Protein backbone atom coordinates (compact mmCIF):
# COMPACT_ATOMS: atom_id res chain seq x y z
CA MET A 1 -48.58 -27.18 -8.64
CA HIS A 2 -44.78 -26.40 -8.46
CA GLY A 3 -45.25 -23.38 -10.92
CA PRO A 4 -44.66 -20.67 -8.14
CA VAL A 5 -41.74 -22.38 -6.71
CA MET A 6 -40.15 -22.84 -10.06
CA HIS A 7 -40.80 -19.21 -10.86
CA LEU A 8 -39.20 -17.99 -7.75
CA LEU A 9 -36.13 -20.26 -8.32
CA GLY A 10 -35.83 -18.78 -11.81
CA LEU A 11 -35.90 -15.26 -10.25
CA CYS A 12 -33.27 -16.41 -7.77
CA GLN A 13 -31.08 -17.76 -10.43
CA ARG A 14 -31.28 -14.56 -12.59
CA ALA A 15 -30.45 -12.56 -9.49
CA GLY A 16 -27.28 -14.67 -9.02
CA LYS A 17 -28.57 -16.12 -5.76
CA ALA A 18 -29.06 -19.69 -6.71
CA VAL A 19 -26.23 -22.18 -7.24
CA SER A 20 -26.33 -25.68 -8.69
CA GLY A 21 -23.81 -28.22 -9.66
CA ASP A 22 -22.10 -30.48 -7.26
CA PHE A 23 -18.91 -28.52 -6.72
CA ALA A 24 -20.65 -25.22 -6.45
CA VAL A 25 -23.21 -26.77 -4.05
CA ARG A 26 -20.67 -28.27 -1.76
CA ALA A 27 -18.45 -25.11 -1.87
CA ASN A 28 -21.30 -22.97 -0.85
CA LEU A 29 -22.46 -25.11 1.82
CA SER A 30 -19.00 -25.37 3.39
CA LYS A 31 -18.53 -21.51 3.03
CA GLY A 32 -21.65 -20.97 5.09
CA LYS A 33 -23.28 -19.01 2.25
CA ALA A 34 -26.30 -21.31 1.62
CA LYS A 35 -29.59 -20.43 3.33
CA VAL A 36 -31.49 -23.45 1.97
CA MET A 37 -30.85 -26.45 -0.10
CA ILE A 38 -33.42 -28.13 -2.46
CA ILE A 39 -32.66 -31.70 -3.40
CA ALA A 40 -34.57 -33.34 -6.30
CA THR A 41 -37.02 -36.17 -5.28
CA ASP A 42 -35.62 -38.41 -8.03
CA THR A 43 -32.03 -38.13 -6.99
CA SER A 44 -30.47 -41.50 -5.96
CA GLU A 45 -30.79 -42.32 -2.26
CA LYS A 46 -26.98 -42.24 -1.90
CA ILE A 47 -26.71 -38.73 -3.29
CA GLN A 48 -29.77 -37.52 -1.13
CA ARG A 49 -28.03 -39.00 1.87
CA GLU A 50 -24.67 -37.19 1.15
CA TYR A 51 -26.45 -33.84 0.43
CA ILE A 52 -28.65 -34.10 3.63
CA GLN A 53 -25.50 -35.05 5.63
CA LEU A 54 -23.73 -31.80 4.26
CA GLY A 55 -26.81 -29.66 4.97
CA LYS A 56 -26.92 -30.99 8.65
CA ALA A 57 -23.05 -30.43 9.08
CA ASN A 58 -23.45 -26.86 7.99
CA ASN A 59 -26.80 -26.08 9.59
CA VAL A 60 -28.59 -25.51 6.28
CA PRO A 61 -32.25 -26.45 6.01
CA THR A 62 -32.72 -29.24 3.34
CA ILE A 63 -35.86 -29.80 1.29
CA LEU A 64 -36.80 -32.72 -0.92
CA ALA A 65 -38.81 -31.19 -3.66
CA LEU A 66 -39.30 -31.07 -7.47
CA THR A 67 -37.62 -33.54 -9.90
CA LYS A 68 -34.13 -33.06 -11.36
CA GLN A 69 -35.73 -31.99 -14.68
CA GLU A 70 -38.06 -29.43 -12.89
CA LEU A 71 -35.04 -28.07 -10.89
CA GLY A 72 -33.02 -27.61 -14.18
CA LEU A 73 -36.03 -26.13 -16.04
CA ALA A 74 -36.57 -23.55 -13.21
CA LEU A 75 -32.95 -22.52 -13.34
CA GLY A 76 -32.73 -22.60 -17.18
CA LYS A 77 -30.20 -25.37 -17.17
CA SER A 78 -29.92 -29.14 -17.71
CA SER A 79 -31.22 -31.49 -14.93
CA ARG A 80 -30.01 -30.66 -11.54
CA ALA A 81 -29.91 -32.89 -8.50
CA ALA A 82 -29.65 -29.99 -5.96
CA VAL A 83 -29.67 -26.25 -5.71
CA VAL A 84 -28.68 -23.95 -2.85
CA VAL A 85 -30.19 -20.44 -2.44
CA LEU A 86 -27.83 -17.82 -1.21
CA ASP A 87 -30.40 -15.14 -0.28
CA LYS A 88 -32.48 -15.24 3.01
CA ASN A 89 -35.47 -13.57 1.43
CA PHE A 90 -35.61 -15.86 -1.58
CA ALA A 91 -34.92 -18.87 0.73
CA GLN A 92 -37.90 -17.82 2.97
CA GLY A 93 -40.23 -17.43 0.07
CA ILE A 94 -39.33 -20.80 -1.36
CA VAL A 95 -39.85 -22.56 2.00
CA LYS A 96 -43.13 -20.84 2.38
CA LEU A 97 -44.27 -21.77 -0.86
CA LEU A 98 -43.22 -25.45 -0.47
CA ASP A 99 -44.86 -25.61 2.96
CA ARG A 100 -48.19 -24.36 1.42
CA SER A 101 -48.16 -26.95 -1.46
CA ASP A 102 -47.43 -29.88 1.01
CA VAL A 103 -44.55 -31.15 -1.06
């Protein structure tokens, strides 16, 4: 179900256009580099609220999708609570895939 999204996130990571980890996510949001943010569905409500607030403050679309483990697996890393995509085209592709899968 999430295979195409995970594949696209992996391509994005290998192209250097995906950033994860709390410090890097926050830094790229505040610098205005993030085009979309994906927050894991199993992240605590407190962390979800913080990231959603950061997204709104920086006018970055925010999507709740995948689990922490799925995000980490897609990026070739350990579990991740959030990832930001820095490329407009990758971001559009991911949003389109997530809209189609009704996540």
